[in-house]
């Protein structure tokens, strides 16, 4: 079932939201408020999570609160990768969560946390255990990123691609499984924590890994999954058939679905990070997905996570 929906992904990261077009996040705030209201109207019991901050920045959250954004979400999310991209030590994880708790009364979810095997698979396995020790009990939801390595033939969703050097190539080594599906040491390191630390796995359009991913989720004993439904993909031929297949495959898990990625032809600039020309169109996409996969009539309060349990 769909446990919650996330409004966008990493809005304070230029790889996901263009700060040149929207330097004060005014357009993002307006879009998020529209989407939050629309989702609540479509299903008042469905928790709305503010797209995960990356970097973790209490001042960014306060900026959005001043614009009224937090009135239209039920939880906020953070993302962190201290062994790969962040400028802080892995032991600071509890303090980073506390920084956000200090400026909001909303529950704080950790919807992406990970360690790449770019330098060493053994370091990644150690990172799984260390992360679990530091974060379990600190946040109501934790999603390890990710199950699979990103295939080398695909592009990572970053702004500057190969110009980022090793920072870019680390994106291809975040999985518990290698690209060919073989397990890394981190897989067995993760297994004891699977009930308390879910998995984040983005599935590309017509992703060949979907069915195998579901088998691995079951094998590991994962209960909580995070994935995405791409607004940009909605304009592809066969989009709804693919979305249906993806949501049906994940139906047995408590799934958080992220709505993001601007269609090029609907952005102020032709890029997935662009604010939309018409913010209401993003809200309409969110409502379409909620009505299709988490409708009010099919999601009575006793079947969904009560909002009080998000804390």
C-alpha atoms as a PDB file:
ATOM      1  CA  UNK A   1       0.000   0.000   0.000  1.00  0.00           C
ATOM      2  CA  UNK A   2       1.022   3.623  -0.294  1.00  0.00           C
ATOM      3  CA  UNK A   3       1.971   4.721   3.198  1.00  0.00           C
ATOM      4  CA  UNK A   4       2.840   8.339   2.321  1.00  0.00           C
ATOM      5  CA  UNK A   5       3.615  10.647  -0.580  1.00  0.00           C
ATOM      6  CA  UNK A   6       6.611  12.924  -0.902  1.00  0.00           C
ATOM      7  CA  UNK A   7       6.328  16.301  -2.541  1.00  0.00           C
ATOM      8  CA  UNK A   8       9.443  16.619  -4.712  1.00  0.00           C
ATOM      9  CA  UNK A   9      12.988  15.400  -4.079  1.00  0.00           C
ATOM     10  CA  UNK A  10      15.917  17.401  -2.674  1.00  0.00           C
ATOM     11  CA  UNK A  11      14.564  20.875  -3.430  1.00  0.00           C
ATOM     12  CA  UNK A  12      17.683  22.558  -2.012  1.00  0.00           C
ATOM     13  CA  UNK A  13      19.980  20.571  -4.312  1.00  0.00           C
ATOM     14  CA  UNK A  14      20.643  22.120  -7.727  1.00  0.00           C
ATOM     15  CA  UNK A  15      20.567  18.652  -9.289  1.00  0.00           C
ATOM     16  CA  UNK A  16      16.832  18.572  -8.520  1.00  0.00           C
ATOM     17  CA  UNK A  17      15.650  22.215  -8.384  1.00  0.00           C
ATOM     18  CA  UNK A  18      17.150  25.100 -10.334  1.00  0.00           C
ATOM     19  CA  UNK A  19      18.242  27.891  -7.952  1.00  0.00           C
ATOM     20  CA  UNK A  20      19.011  30.253 -10.821  1.00  0.00           C
ATOM     21  CA  UNK A  21      15.331  30.310 -11.804  1.00  0.00           C
ATOM     22  CA  UNK A  22      14.019  30.253  -8.237  1.00  0.00           C
ATOM     23  CA  UNK A  23      16.777  31.610  -5.938  1.00  0.00           C
ATOM     24  CA  UNK A  24      14.472  32.271  -2.975  1.00  0.00           C
ATOM     25  CA  UNK A  25      12.357  29.110  -3.443  1.00  0.00           C
ATOM     26  CA  UNK A  26       9.222  31.212  -3.902  1.00  0.00           C
ATOM     27  CA  UNK A  27       8.076  29.137  -6.869  1.00  0.00           C
ATOM     28  CA  UNK A  28       8.856  25.923  -5.015  1.00  0.00           C
ATOM     29  CA  UNK A  29       6.877  27.112  -2.006  1.00  0.00           C
ATOM     30  CA  UNK A  30       3.849  27.996  -4.120  1.00  0.00           C
ATOM     31  CA  UNK A  31       3.992  24.663  -5.963  1.00  0.00           C
ATOM     32  CA  UNK A  32       4.348  22.679  -2.742  1.00  0.00           C
ATOM     33  CA  UNK A  33       1.446  24.442  -1.046  1.00  0.00           C
ATOM     34  CA  UNK A  34      -0.774  23.811  -4.064  1.00  0.00           C
ATOM     35  CA  UNK A  35       0.223  20.139  -4.141  1.00  0.00           C
ATOM     36  CA  UNK A  36      -0.164  19.719  -0.390  1.00  0.00           C
ATOM     37  CA  UNK A  37      -3.657  21.153  -0.404  1.00  0.00           C
ATOM     38  CA  UNK A  38      -4.657  19.113  -3.441  1.00  0.00           C
ATOM     39  CA  UNK A  39      -3.352  15.838  -1.976  1.00  0.00           C
ATOM     40  CA  UNK A  40      -5.147  16.489   1.307  1.00  0.00           C
ATOM     41  CA  UNK A  41      -8.406  17.110  -0.547  1.00  0.00           C
ATOM     42  CA  UNK A  42      -7.981  13.884  -2.536  1.00  0.00           C
ATOM     43  CA  UNK A  43      -7.206  11.805   0.575  1.00  0.00           C
ATOM     44  CA  UNK A  44      -7.103  13.548   3.986  1.00  0.00           C
ATOM     45  CA  UNK A  45      -5.661  10.423   5.643  1.00  0.00           C
ATOM     46  CA  UNK A  46      -2.614  10.214   3.382  1.00  0.00           C
ATOM     47  CA  UNK A  47       0.554  11.638   4.995  1.00  0.00           C
ATOM     48  CA  UNK A  48       2.416  14.272   2.954  1.00  0.00           C
ATOM     49  CA  UNK A  49       6.201  14.441   3.363  1.00  0.00           C
ATOM     50  CA  UNK A  50       8.281  17.434   2.295  1.00  0.00           C
ATOM     51  CA  UNK A  51      10.924  16.319  -0.204  1.00  0.00           C
ATOM     52  CA  UNK A  52      14.167  15.337   1.508  1.00  0.00           C
ATOM     53  CA  UNK A  53      16.646  18.126   2.144  1.00  0.00           C
ATOM     54  CA  UNK A  54      20.129  17.544   0.784  1.00  0.00           C
ATOM     55  CA  UNK A  55      22.136  19.104   2.321  1.00  0.00           C
ATOM     56  CA  UNK A  56      20.484  18.958   5.736  1.00  0.00           C
ATOM     57  CA  UNK A  57      19.830  22.619   6.443  1.00  0.00           C
ATOM     58  CA  UNK A  58      17.616  23.961   9.254  1.00  0.00           C
ATOM     59  CA  UNK A  59      17.781  27.456   7.744  1.00  0.00           C
ATOM     60  CA  UNK A  60      16.297  26.148   4.491  1.00  0.00           C
ATOM     61  CA  UNK A  61      13.435  24.600   6.439  1.00  0.00           C
ATOM     62  CA  UNK A  62      12.845  27.846   8.326  1.00  0.00           C
ATOM     63  CA  UNK A  63      12.757  29.698   5.013  1.00  0.00           C
ATOM     64  CA  UNK A  64      10.024  27.358   3.759  1.00  0.00           C
ATOM     65  CA  UNK A  65       8.133  27.618   7.030  1.00  0.00           C
ATOM     66  CA  UNK A  66       8.104  31.408   6.684  1.00  0.00           C
ATOM     67  CA  UNK A  67       6.496  30.941   3.268  1.00  0.00           C
ATOM     68  CA  UNK A  68       3.733  28.759   4.742  1.00  0.00           C
ATOM     69  CA  UNK A  69       4.927  25.467   3.260  1.00  0.00           C
ATOM     70  CA  UNK A  70       4.892  23.473   6.497  1.00  0.00           C
ATOM     71  CA  UNK A  71       1.183  24.125   6.924  1.00  0.00           C
ATOM     72  CA  UNK A  72       0.611  21.759   4.008  1.00  0.00           C
ATOM     73  CA  UNK A  73       2.832  18.782   4.915  1.00  0.00           C
ATOM     74  CA  UNK A  74       2.731  16.273   7.764  1.00  0.00           C
ATOM     75  CA  UNK A  75       6.419  15.373   7.985  1.00  0.00           C
ATOM     76  CA  UNK A  76       9.767  16.608   6.670  1.00  0.00           C
ATOM     77  CA  UNK A  77      12.585  14.494   5.275  1.00  0.00           C
ATOM     78  CA  UNK A  78      16.365  14.651   5.158  1.00  0.00           C
ATOM     79  CA  UNK A  79      18.965  12.889   3.015  1.00  0.00           C
ATOM     80  CA  UNK A  80      22.569  12.305   3.999  1.00  0.00           C
ATOM     81  CA  UNK A  81      25.673  10.614   2.626  1.00  0.00           C
ATOM     82  CA  UNK A  82      28.498  11.542   5.006  1.00  0.00           C
ATOM     83  CA  UNK A  83      31.034   9.059   3.641  1.00  0.00           C
ATOM     84  CA  UNK A  84      30.553  10.235   0.050  1.00  0.00           C
ATOM     85  CA  UNK A  85      29.291  13.801  -0.418  1.00  0.00           C
ATOM     86  CA  UNK A  86      28.573  15.589   2.856  1.00  0.00           C
ATOM     87  CA  UNK A  87      31.054  17.686   4.812  1.00  0.00           C
ATOM     88  CA  UNK A  88      30.362  16.031   8.137  1.00  0.00           C
ATOM     89  CA  UNK A  89      31.255  12.741   9.828  1.00  0.00           C
ATOM     90  CA  UNK A  90      28.968   9.717   9.919  1.00  0.00           C
ATOM     91  CA  UNK A  91      28.885   9.913  13.742  1.00  0.00           C
ATOM     92  CA  UNK A  92      27.086  13.252  13.421  1.00  0.00           C
ATOM     93  CA  UNK A  93      23.895  11.643  12.105  1.00  0.00           C
ATOM     94  CA  UNK A  94      21.917  11.973  15.373  1.00  0.00           C
ATOM     95  CA  UNK A  95      22.985  15.603  15.675  1.00  0.00           C
ATOM     96  CA  UNK A  96      21.910  16.322  12.094  1.00  0.00           C
ATOM     97  CA  UNK A  97      18.435  14.929  12.773  1.00  0.00           C
ATOM     98  CA  UNK A  98      18.308  16.942  16.002  1.00  0.00           C
ATOM     99  CA  UNK A  99      19.141  20.147  14.090  1.00  0.00           C
ATOM    100  CA  UNK A 100      15.932  19.739  12.095  1.00  0.00           C
ATOM    101  CA  UNK A 101      13.853  18.675  15.090  1.00  0.00           C
ATOM    102  CA  UNK A 102      14.961  21.881  16.804  1.00  0.00           C
ATOM    103  CA  UNK A 103      13.231  24.083  14.201  1.00  0.00           C
ATOM    104  CA  UNK A 104      10.004  22.147  13.540  1.00  0.00           C
ATOM    105  CA  UNK A 105       7.422  20.111  15.378  1.00  0.00           C
ATOM    106  CA  UNK A 106       6.923  17.922  12.290  1.00  0.00           C
ATOM    107  CA  UNK A 107       8.262  14.353  12.361  1.00  0.00           C
ATOM    108  CA  UNK A 108      11.672  14.050  10.678  1.00  0.00           C
ATOM    109  CA  UNK A 109      12.119  11.134   8.278  1.00  0.00           C
ATOM    110  CA  UNK A 110      15.436   9.988   6.798  1.00  0.00           C
ATOM    111  CA  UNK A 111      14.332   8.966   3.319  1.00  0.00           C
ATOM    112  CA  UNK A 112      17.780   8.523   1.778  1.00  0.00           C
ATOM    113  CA  UNK A 113      20.913   7.442   3.586  1.00  0.00           C
ATOM    114  CA  UNK A 114      23.698   5.460   1.997  1.00  0.00           C
ATOM    115  CA  UNK A 115      27.353   4.661   1.505  1.00  0.00           C
ATOM    116  CA  UNK A 116      28.902   3.888  -1.856  1.00  0.00           C
ATOM    117  CA  UNK A 117      31.226   0.977  -2.581  1.00  0.00           C
ATOM    118  CA  UNK A 118      33.192   3.190  -4.981  1.00  0.00           C
ATOM    119  CA  UNK A 119      36.313   2.928  -2.857  1.00  0.00           C
ATOM    120  CA  UNK A 120      35.674  -0.300  -0.980  1.00  0.00           C
ATOM    121  CA  UNK A 121      32.829  -2.777  -0.628  1.00  0.00           C
ATOM    122  CA  UNK A 122      34.015  -3.511   2.910  1.00  0.00           C
ATOM    123  CA  UNK A 123      33.680   0.166   3.845  1.00  0.00           C
ATOM    124  CA  UNK A 124      30.132   0.144   2.506  1.00  0.00           C
ATOM    125  CA  UNK A 125      29.248  -2.897   4.642  1.00  0.00           C
ATOM    126  CA  UNK A 126      30.698  -1.166   7.695  1.00  0.00           C
ATOM    127  CA  UNK A 127      28.684   1.934   6.778  1.00  0.00           C
ATOM    128  CA  UNK A 128      25.416  -0.019   6.776  1.00  0.00           C
ATOM    129  CA  UNK A 129      26.018  -1.272  10.320  1.00  0.00           C
ATOM    130  CA  UNK A 130      27.227   2.089  11.591  1.00  0.00           C
ATOM    131  CA  UNK A 131      24.275   3.913  10.054  1.00  0.00           C
ATOM    132  CA  UNK A 132      21.795   1.468  11.585  1.00  0.00           C
ATOM    133  CA  UNK A 133      23.377   1.868  15.006  1.00  0.00           C
ATOM    134  CA  UNK A 134      23.233   5.659  14.740  1.00  0.00           C
ATOM    135  CA  UNK A 135      19.784   6.168  13.203  1.00  0.00           C
ATOM    136  CA  UNK A 136      17.414   3.392  14.294  1.00  0.00           C
ATOM    137  CA  UNK A 137      15.257   4.975  16.956  1.00  0.00           C
ATOM    138  CA  UNK A 138      16.137   8.499  15.817  1.00  0.00           C
ATOM    139  CA  UNK A 139      13.567   8.732  12.991  1.00  0.00           C
ATOM    140  CA  UNK A 140      10.189   7.057  12.364  1.00  0.00           C
ATOM    141  CA  UNK A 141      11.230   6.117   8.825  1.00  0.00           C
ATOM    142  CA  UNK A 142      14.698   5.353   7.480  1.00  0.00           C
ATOM    143  CA  UNK A 143      15.290   4.304   3.863  1.00  0.00           C
ATOM    144  CA  UNK A 144      18.677   2.984   2.804  1.00  0.00           C
ATOM    145  CA  UNK A 145      19.716   4.100  -0.680  1.00  0.00           C
ATOM    146  CA  UNK A 146      19.706   1.797  -2.538  1.00  0.00           C
ATOM    147  CA  UNK A 147      19.087  -1.850  -3.424  1.00  0.00           C
ATOM    148  CA  UNK A 148      20.789  -1.770  -6.844  1.00  0.00           C
ATOM    149  CA  UNK A 149      23.838  -0.098  -8.283  1.00  0.00           C
ATOM    150  CA  UNK A 150      22.919   2.308 -11.062  1.00  0.00           C
ATOM    151  CA  UNK A 151      23.683   0.685 -14.435  1.00  0.00           C
ATOM    152  CA  UNK A 152      26.790   2.155 -16.041  1.00  0.00           C
ATOM    153  CA  UNK A 153      24.901   2.750 -19.292  1.00  0.00           C
ATOM    154  CA  UNK A 154      22.474   5.105 -17.550  1.00  0.00           C
ATOM    155  CA  UNK A 155      23.056   8.658 -16.370  1.00  0.00           C
ATOM    156  CA  UNK A 156      23.006   9.684 -12.732  1.00  0.00           C
ATOM    157  CA  UNK A 157      20.580  12.510 -11.976  1.00  0.00           C
ATOM    158  CA  UNK A 158      23.086  15.266 -11.271  1.00  0.00           C
ATOM    159  CA  UNK A 159      23.610  18.724 -12.693  1.00  0.00           C
ATOM    160  CA  UNK A 160      27.223  18.559 -13.944  1.00  0.00           C
ATOM    161  CA  UNK A 161      27.668  14.851 -14.779  1.00  0.00           C
ATOM    162  CA  UNK A 162      31.260  13.687 -15.376  1.00  0.00           C
ATOM    163  CA  UNK A 163      32.633  17.149 -14.596  1.00  0.00           C
ATOM    164  CA  UNK A 164      31.989  16.312 -10.937  1.00  0.00           C
ATOM    165  CA  UNK A 165      34.810  13.748 -11.039  1.00  0.00           C
ATOM    166  CA  UNK A 166      34.665  10.916  -8.521  1.00  0.00           C
ATOM    167  CA  UNK A 167      31.635  12.524  -6.871  1.00  0.00           C
ATOM    168  CA  UNK A 168      29.667  11.674 -10.000  1.00  0.00           C
ATOM    169  CA  UNK A 169      30.887   8.090 -10.305  1.00  0.00           C
ATOM    170  CA  UNK A 170      29.986   7.293  -6.706  1.00  0.00           C
ATOM    171  CA  UNK A 171      26.328   7.458  -7.782  1.00  0.00           C
ATOM    172  CA  UNK A 172      26.839   4.189  -9.681  1.00  0.00           C
ATOM    173  CA  UNK A 173      27.966   2.246  -6.588  1.00  0.00           C
ATOM    174  CA  UNK A 174      25.299   2.906  -3.940  1.00  0.00           C
ATOM    175  CA  UNK A 175      23.529  -0.465  -4.142  1.00  0.00           C
ATOM    176  CA  UNK A 176      23.540  -3.494  -1.894  1.00  0.00           C
ATOM    177  CA  UNK A 177      23.561  -5.390  -5.193  1.00  0.00           C
ATOM    178  CA  UNK A 178      25.929  -4.880  -8.107  1.00  0.00           C
ATOM    179  CA  UNK A 179      24.576  -3.920 -11.510  1.00  0.00           C
ATOM    180  CA  UNK A 180      24.431  -7.618 -12.507  1.00  0.00           C
ATOM    181  CA  UNK A 181      22.329  -8.423  -9.434  1.00  0.00           C
ATOM    182  CA  UNK A 182      25.054 -10.163  -7.453  1.00  0.00           C
ATOM    183  CA  UNK A 183      25.185  -9.329  -3.735  1.00  0.00           C
ATOM    184  CA  UNK A 184      27.860  -7.179  -2.149  1.00  0.00           C
ATOM    185  CA  UNK A 185      28.945  -7.725   1.470  1.00  0.00           C
ATOM    186  CA  UNK A 186      26.639  -4.838   2.401  1.00  0.00           C
ATOM    187  CA  UNK A 187      23.567  -6.954   1.598  1.00  0.00           C
ATOM    188  CA  UNK A 188      24.104  -9.326   4.515  1.00  0.00           C
ATOM    189  CA  UNK A 189      25.174  -6.385   6.683  1.00  0.00           C
ATOM    190  CA  UNK A 190      21.784  -4.817   5.950  1.00  0.00           C
ATOM    191  CA  UNK A 191      19.661  -7.928   6.531  1.00  0.00           C
ATOM    192  CA  UNK A 192      19.470  -7.769  10.370  1.00  0.00           C
ATOM    193  CA  UNK A 193      18.150  -4.198  10.168  1.00  0.00           C
ATOM    194  CA  UNK A 194      15.641  -4.626   7.325  1.00  0.00           C
ATOM    195  CA  UNK A 195      12.567  -4.414   9.517  1.00  0.00           C
ATOM    196  CA  UNK A 196      13.628  -1.061  10.972  1.00  0.00           C
ATOM    197  CA  UNK A 197      15.526   0.406   8.013  1.00  0.00           C
ATOM    198  CA  UNK A 198      13.666   0.227   4.720  1.00  0.00           C
ATOM    199  CA  UNK A 199      15.002   0.630   1.196  1.00  0.00           C
ATOM    200  CA  UNK A 200      14.815   3.416  -1.363  1.00  0.00           C
ATOM    201  CA  UNK A 201      14.895   2.203  -4.951  1.00  0.00           C
ATOM    202  CA  UNK A 202      14.119   4.439  -7.906  1.00  0.00           C
ATOM    203  CA  UNK A 203      12.725   2.542 -10.880  1.00  0.00           C
ATOM    204  CA  UNK A 204      13.252   3.996 -14.337  1.00  0.00           C
ATOM    205  CA  UNK A 205      10.511   3.818 -16.953  1.00  0.00           C
ATOM    206  CA  UNK A 206       9.976   0.131 -17.838  1.00  0.00           C
ATOM    207  CA  UNK A 207      12.771  -0.810 -15.441  1.00  0.00           C
ATOM    208  CA  UNK A 208      13.831  -4.424 -15.999  1.00  0.00           C
ATOM    209  CA  UNK A 209      14.827  -4.770 -12.319  1.00  0.00           C
ATOM    210  CA  UNK A 210      11.350  -4.343 -10.798  1.00  0.00           C
ATOM    211  CA  UNK A 211      10.372  -7.977 -10.302  1.00  0.00           C
ATOM    212  CA  UNK A 212      13.801  -9.003  -9.028  1.00  0.00           C
ATOM    213  CA  UNK A 213      13.764  -6.040  -6.644  1.00  0.00           C
ATOM    214  CA  UNK A 214      10.475  -7.221  -5.161  1.00  0.00           C
ATOM    215  CA  UNK A 215      11.941 -10.689  -4.645  1.00  0.00           C
ATOM    216  CA  UNK A 216      14.906  -9.167  -2.826  1.00  0.00           C
ATOM    217  CA  UNK A 217      12.645  -6.996  -0.650  1.00  0.00           C
ATOM    218  CA  UNK A 218      10.811 -10.158   0.398  1.00  0.00           C
ATOM    219  CA  UNK A 219      14.003 -12.125   0.950  1.00  0.00           C
ATOM    220  CA  UNK A 220      15.454  -9.401   3.160  1.00  0.00           C
ATOM    221  CA  UNK A 221      12.249  -8.917   5.128  1.00  0.00           C
ATOM    222  CA  UNK A 222      11.872  -5.269   4.131  1.00  0.00           C
ATOM    223  CA  UNK A 223       8.592  -3.635   5.143  1.00  0.00           C
ATOM    224  CA  UNK A 224       9.120  -0.007   4.127  1.00  0.00           C
ATOM    225  CA  UNK A 225      10.004   0.994   0.570  1.00  0.00           C
ATOM    226  CA  UNK A 226      10.490   4.380  -1.053  1.00  0.00           C
ATOM    227  CA  UNK A 227      10.258   4.932  -4.798  1.00  0.00           C
ATOM    228  CA  UNK A 228       9.076   7.576  -7.250  1.00  0.00           C
ATOM    229  CA  UNK A 229       6.506   8.284  -9.925  1.00  0.00           C
ATOM    230  CA  UNK A 230       7.930  10.723 -12.440  1.00  0.00           C
ATOM    231  CA  UNK A 231       5.795  13.616 -13.610  1.00  0.00           C
ATOM    232  CA  UNK A 232       8.017  13.766 -16.704  1.00  0.00           C
ATOM    233  CA  UNK A 233       7.313  10.098 -17.462  1.00  0.00           C
ATOM    234  CA  UNK A 234       3.574  10.755 -17.341  1.00  0.00           C
ATOM    235  CA  UNK A 235       3.872  12.093 -20.908  1.00  0.00           C
ATOM    236  CA  UNK A 236       5.457   8.894 -22.270  1.00  0.00           C
ATOM    237  CA  UNK A 237       3.355   6.466 -24.244  1.00  0.00           C
ATOM    238  CA  UNK A 238       2.251   3.699 -21.914  1.00  0.00           C
ATOM    239  CA  UNK A 239       3.021   5.696 -18.770  1.00  0.00           C
ATOM    240  CA  UNK A 240      -0.062   4.647 -16.828  1.00  0.00           C
ATOM    241  CA  UNK A 241       0.459   0.987 -17.722  1.00  0.00           C
ATOM    242  CA  UNK A 242       3.981   1.220 -16.289  1.00  0.00           C
ATOM    243  CA  UNK A 243       2.852   3.105 -13.185  1.00  0.00           C
ATOM    244  CA  UNK A 244       0.130   0.485 -12.631  1.00  0.00           C
ATOM    245  CA  UNK A 245       2.635  -2.339 -12.916  1.00  0.00           C
ATOM    246  CA  UNK A 246       5.065  -0.652 -10.555  1.00  0.00           C
ATOM    247  CA  UNK A 247       2.454   0.094  -7.887  1.00  0.00           C
ATOM    248  CA  UNK A 248       0.929  -3.377  -8.164  1.00  0.00           C
ATOM    249  CA  UNK A 249       4.353  -4.971  -7.711  1.00  0.00           C
ATOM    250  CA  UNK A 250       4.979  -2.887  -4.573  1.00  0.00           C
ATOM    251  CA  UNK A 251       1.485  -3.228  -3.122  1.00  0.00           C
ATOM    252  CA  UNK A 252       2.522  -5.585  -0.312  1.00  0.00           C
ATOM    253  CA  UNK A 253       5.007  -3.063   1.118  1.00  0.00           C
ATOM    254  CA  UNK A 254       4.442   0.152   3.049  1.00  0.00           C
ATOM    255  CA  UNK A 255       5.546   2.442   0.260  1.00  0.00           C
ATOM    256  CA  UNK A 256       6.407   6.126   0.207  1.00  0.00           C
ATOM    257  CA  UNK A 257       6.001   7.504  -3.316  1.00  0.00           C
ATOM    258  CA  UNK A 258       7.824  10.636  -4.438  1.00  0.00           C
ATOM    259  CA  UNK A 259       6.290  12.881  -7.097  1.00  0.00           C
ATOM    260  CA  UNK A 260       8.991  14.822  -8.946  1.00  0.00           C
ATOM    261  CA  UNK A 261      10.803  15.671 -12.216  1.00  0.00           C
ATOM    262  CA  UNK A 262       9.381  18.452 -14.356  1.00  0.00           C
ATOM    263  CA  UNK A 263       8.491  17.482 -17.959  1.00  0.00           C
ATOM    264  CA  UNK A 264      10.830  19.421 -20.216  1.00  0.00           C
ATOM    265  CA  UNK A 265       8.012  20.947 -22.239  1.00  0.00           C
ATOM    266  CA  UNK A 266       6.220  22.138 -19.077  1.00  0.00           C
ATOM    267  CA  UNK A 267       9.189  23.751 -17.348  1.00  0.00           C
ATOM    268  CA  UNK A 268      10.179  27.408 -17.370  1.00  0.00           C
ATOM    269  CA  UNK A 269      13.398  25.968 -18.776  1.00  0.00           C
ATOM    270  CA  UNK A 270      13.426  22.609 -20.622  1.00  0.00           C
ATOM    271  CA  UNK A 271      14.948  20.584 -17.770  1.00  0.00           C
ATOM    272  CA  UNK A 272      13.660  18.242 -15.067  1.00  0.00           C
ATOM    273  CA  UNK A 273      14.978  20.610 -12.358  1.00  0.00           C
ATOM    274  CA  UNK A 274      13.019  23.590 -13.641  1.00  0.00           C
ATOM    275  CA  UNK A 275      10.052  25.034 -11.795  1.00  0.00           C
ATOM    276  CA  UNK A 276       6.941  24.376 -13.873  1.00  0.00           C
ATOM    277  CA  UNK A 277       5.377  27.042 -16.036  1.00  0.00           C
ATOM    278  CA  UNK A 278       2.061  26.308 -14.320  1.00  0.00           C
ATOM    279  CA  UNK A 279       2.364  25.032 -10.753  1.00  0.00           C
ATOM    280  CA  UNK A 280      -1.203  23.763 -10.777  1.00  0.00           C
ATOM    281  CA  UNK A 281      -0.191  21.146 -13.346  1.00  0.00           C
ATOM    282  CA  UNK A 282       2.157  19.510 -10.835  1.00  0.00           C
ATOM    283  CA  UNK A 283      -0.619  19.504  -8.239  1.00  0.00           C
ATOM    284  CA  UNK A 284      -2.943  17.911 -10.799  1.00  0.00           C
ATOM    285  CA  UNK A 285      -0.396  15.149 -11.416  1.00  0.00           C
ATOM    286  CA  UNK A 286      -0.159  14.504  -7.664  1.00  0.00           C
ATOM    287  CA  UNK A 287      -3.938  14.260  -7.401  1.00  0.00           C
ATOM    288  CA  UNK A 288      -4.145  11.931 -10.385  1.00  0.00           C
ATOM    289  CA  UNK A 289      -1.628   9.577  -8.790  1.00  0.00           C
ATOM    290  CA  UNK A 290      -3.276   9.704  -5.352  1.00  0.00           C
ATOM    291  CA  UNK A 291      -6.730   9.041  -6.784  1.00  0.00           C
ATOM    292  CA  UNK A 292      -5.349   6.131  -8.808  1.00  0.00           C
ATOM    293  CA  UNK A 293      -3.145   4.468  -6.168  1.00  0.00           C
ATOM    294  CA  UNK A 294      -4.233   5.744  -2.747  1.00  0.00           C
ATOM    295  CA  UNK A 295      -7.835   6.893  -3.113  1.00  0.00           C
ATOM    296  CA  UNK A 296      -9.843   7.924  -0.110  1.00  0.00           C
ATOM    297  CA  UNK A 297     -12.378   5.116  -0.613  1.00  0.00           C
ATOM    298  CA  UNK A 298      -9.671   2.428  -0.815  1.00  0.00           C
ATOM    299  CA  UNK A 299      -7.607   3.763   2.058  1.00  0.00           C
ATOM    300  CA  UNK A 300      -9.626   3.943   5.286  1.00  0.00           C
ATOM    301  CA  UNK A 301      -7.765   5.308   8.263  1.00  0.00           C
ATOM    302  CA  UNK A 302      -7.235   1.886   9.814  1.00  0.00           C
ATOM    303  CA  UNK A 303      -5.277   0.722   6.727  1.00  0.00           C
ATOM    304  CA  UNK A 304      -2.934   3.689   6.500  1.00  0.00           C
ATOM    305  CA  UNK A 305      -0.314   4.891   8.923  1.00  0.00           C
ATOM    306  CA  UNK A 306      -2.104   7.178  11.386  1.00  0.00           C
ATOM    307  CA  UNK A 307      -0.585  10.651  11.274  1.00  0.00           C
ATOM    308  CA  UNK A 308       0.216  10.480  15.003  1.00  0.00           C
ATOM    309  CA  UNK A 309       2.483   7.477  14.343  1.00  0.00           C
ATOM    310  CA  UNK A 310       4.668   9.477  11.982  1.00  0.00           C
ATOM    311  CA  UNK A 311       6.331  11.184  14.947  1.00  0.00           C
END
